[in-house]
Amino acid sequence: MGRVPFGDRTHLNGVDRAIFGIGYLFSLLYPPDAQTRVKKAYRRLPEVYQHAFNIEDPTLTFVGVAVAVTRYLVGRAKKQQLPVAEQLAWERRRVVQRGGGKDFYSVAPDFEKYSEFLRAIAGDPEPGATGRVLPPFDKKWLEVW
C-alpha cells in the first residue's frame, strides 16, 4: 500500500496501484477481474458507470476527466454516485442504445451533457485550495474535436 500526494499538499493513503495512461486498448493488462469481464462483452468493459466508475468496486476508476475522478477517489466530490442498481440500469440502457464496441463509449453527440455531468461530480476546489476549476462546456471546443 502506498501514498499518493497531491499538489494541494493533501494525500491519499492505502493505494495499491495508480495507473495513469492516455488512451487504452483492451489488450492492456487490466486487473484479472476486469480482463474476465472484457472477454464476456463485445469490446467493452462492462459494469463501469459513465465510462469512468467501476460499479462493484468504486476504488477502481477509469479516468475520463482526471479532476472529477480524483476528487471522487479522495472523498472531495461534490456529487456522490448513484446507487448501484441505478448505475447498472444506466449501463443496460446504454448497451441497448449503442451496443458494444466503440459506440458504447462515444459521448457524441452529447458532449455538453457528459462534460457537465463530470463537472458536477468534481465541483470546485475547496476554499483556499489550489485545485483546478473545470470550465463550463464551450461549444467552440467542438470545432477542435
Protein backbone atom coordinates (compact mmCIF):
# COMPACT_ATOMS: atom_id res chain seq x y z
CA MET A 1 0.00 0.00 0.00
CA GLY A 2 1.27 3.40 -0.88
CA ARG A 3 0.54 7.09 -0.62
CA VAL A 4 -0.38 9.42 -3.48
CA PRO A 5 0.46 13.10 -2.85
CA PHE A 6 -1.46 15.96 -4.48
CA GLY A 7 -0.40 19.48 -5.34
CA ASP A 8 -2.51 20.99 -2.55
CA ARG A 9 -0.40 19.04 -0.01
CA THR A 10 -3.12 16.51 0.73
CA HIS A 11 -2.64 12.82 0.06
CA LEU A 12 -4.46 9.53 -0.39
CA ASN A 13 -3.24 6.58 1.70
CA GLY A 14 -3.73 2.88 1.12
CA VAL A 15 -3.28 2.92 -2.65
CA ASP A 16 -2.40 -0.43 -4.22
CA ARG A 17 -1.73 0.90 -7.70
CA ALA A 18 -2.09 4.13 -9.62
CA ILE A 19 -2.05 3.62 -13.36
CA PHE A 20 -2.31 6.73 -15.47
CA GLY A 21 -2.41 6.46 -19.22
CA ILE A 22 -3.73 8.25 -22.25
CA GLY A 23 -5.94 6.07 -24.38
CA TYR A 24 -6.17 2.35 -23.88
CA LEU A 25 -6.74 -0.94 -25.57
CA PHE A 26 -8.47 -3.90 -24.03
CA SER A 27 -5.31 -5.89 -24.71
CA LEU A 28 -3.59 -3.91 -21.95
CA LEU A 29 -3.22 -5.67 -18.64
CA TYR A 30 -6.27 -4.69 -16.65
CA PRO A 31 -6.70 -6.34 -13.26
CA PRO A 32 -7.72 -10.02 -13.71
CA ASP A 33 -11.39 -9.46 -12.83
CA ALA A 34 -11.63 -6.67 -15.41
CA GLN A 35 -9.95 -8.85 -18.06
CA THR A 36 -12.55 -11.56 -17.43
CA ARG A 37 -15.37 -9.04 -17.81
CA VAL A 38 -13.97 -7.72 -21.11
CA LYS A 39 -13.82 -11.26 -22.51
CA LYS A 40 -17.54 -11.70 -21.79
CA ALA A 41 -18.61 -8.46 -23.52
CA TYR A 42 -18.12 -7.25 -27.06
CA ARG A 43 -15.19 -4.81 -26.96
CA ARG A 44 -16.30 -3.00 -23.85
CA LEU A 45 -15.61 -3.10 -20.15
CA PRO A 46 -18.96 -3.86 -18.50
CA GLU A 47 -20.07 -2.66 -15.08
CA VAL A 48 -18.49 0.78 -15.47
CA TYR A 49 -20.78 3.76 -14.82
CA GLN A 50 -20.43 6.78 -17.11
CA HIS A 51 -17.26 5.28 -18.64
CA ALA A 52 -15.30 6.09 -15.50
CA PHE A 53 -16.53 4.45 -12.29
CA ASN A 54 -16.32 0.71 -11.65
CA ILE A 55 -19.75 -0.13 -10.23
CA GLU A 56 -18.83 -3.02 -7.93
CA ASP A 57 -15.51 -1.56 -6.76
CA PRO A 58 -15.67 2.25 -6.63
CA THR A 59 -11.96 2.41 -5.79
CA LEU A 60 -11.21 1.32 -9.37
CA THR A 61 -11.82 4.09 -11.86
CA PHE A 62 -11.01 4.68 -15.47
CA VAL A 63 -10.07 8.30 -15.85
CA GLY A 64 -12.13 10.38 -18.24
CA VAL A 65 -11.75 13.78 -16.63
CA ALA A 66 -8.96 13.40 -14.11
CA VAL A 67 -10.18 16.20 -11.85
CA ALA A 68 -13.62 14.63 -11.36
CA VAL A 69 -12.28 11.12 -10.78
CA THR A 70 -9.53 12.28 -8.44
CA ARG A 71 -11.89 14.31 -6.27
CA TYR A 72 -14.25 11.34 -6.15
CA LEU A 73 -11.48 8.99 -5.01
CA VAL A 74 -10.23 11.30 -2.27
CA GLY A 75 -13.74 11.96 -0.99
CA ARG A 76 -14.00 15.55 -2.17
CA ALA A 77 -16.50 15.08 -4.97
CA LYS A 78 -19.42 17.49 -4.78
CA LYS A 79 -21.86 14.96 -6.22
CA GLN A 80 -21.96 11.38 -4.99
CA GLN A 81 -22.55 8.37 -7.20
CA LEU A 82 -25.98 6.90 -7.74
CA PRO A 83 -26.91 3.64 -6.00
CA VAL A 84 -25.50 0.52 -7.68
CA ALA A 85 -28.90 -0.51 -9.09
CA GLU A 86 -29.24 2.84 -10.89
CA GLN A 87 -25.70 2.63 -12.26
CA LEU A 88 -26.37 -0.86 -13.63
CA ALA A 89 -29.63 0.38 -15.17
CA TRP A 90 -27.67 3.17 -16.91
CA GLU A 91 -25.28 0.56 -18.33
CA ARG A 92 -28.13 -1.66 -19.59
CA ARG A 93 -29.83 1.32 -21.29
CA ARG A 94 -26.53 2.31 -22.87
CA VAL A 95 -25.96 -1.19 -24.28
CA VAL A 96 -29.47 -1.19 -25.77
CA GLN A 97 -28.96 2.27 -27.29
CA ARG A 98 -25.38 1.90 -28.52
CA GLY A 99 -24.47 -1.78 -28.49
CA GLY A 100 -20.96 -2.88 -27.60
CA GLY A 101 -17.66 -1.78 -29.03
CA LYS A 102 -16.60 1.78 -29.72
CA ASP A 103 -20.13 3.15 -30.00
CA PHE A 104 -20.75 2.25 -26.36
CA TYR A 105 -18.00 4.68 -25.30
CA SER A 106 -18.78 7.55 -27.61
CA VAL A 107 -20.16 10.60 -25.87
CA ALA A 108 -21.08 12.15 -29.23
CA PRO A 109 -23.35 13.98 -29.78
CA ASP A 110 -23.85 14.51 -26.04
CA PHE A 111 -20.52 16.22 -25.36
CA GLU A 112 -22.03 19.02 -23.29
CA LYS A 113 -24.21 16.73 -21.16
CA TYR A 114 -21.27 14.42 -20.36
CA SER A 115 -18.90 17.30 -19.68
CA GLU A 116 -21.36 18.92 -17.29
CA PHE A 117 -22.00 15.56 -15.58
CA LEU A 118 -18.28 15.25 -14.78
CA ARG A 119 -18.07 18.92 -13.79
CA ALA A 120 -20.91 18.38 -11.30
CA ILE A 121 -19.03 15.47 -9.72
CA ALA A 122 -15.81 17.45 -9.47
CA GLY A 123 -17.33 20.67 -8.20
CA ASP A 124 -14.98 23.49 -7.36
CA PRO A 125 -11.86 23.07 -5.24
CA GLU A 126 -12.17 23.58 -1.51
CA PRO A 127 -11.79 27.22 -0.40
CA GLY A 128 -8.12 28.09 -0.16
CA ALA A 129 -7.03 25.05 -2.19
CA THR A 130 -5.12 25.38 -5.44
CA GLY A 131 -7.19 22.78 -7.29
CA ARG A 132 -8.35 23.25 -10.86
CA VAL A 133 -11.75 24.76 -11.62
CA LEU A 134 -13.30 22.94 -14.57
CA PRO A 135 -14.76 25.45 -17.01
CA PRO A 136 -18.33 25.09 -18.27
CA PHE A 137 -18.66 23.35 -21.62
CA ASP A 138 -17.92 25.67 -24.53
CA LYS A 139 -19.43 24.82 -27.92
CA LYS A 140 -16.25 26.18 -29.54
CA TRP A 141 -14.50 23.02 -28.30
CA LEU A 142 -16.49 21.07 -30.89
CA GLU A 143 -14.58 22.89 -33.64
CA VAL A 144 -11.37 21.31 -32.32
CA TRP A 145 -12.82 17.85 -31.65
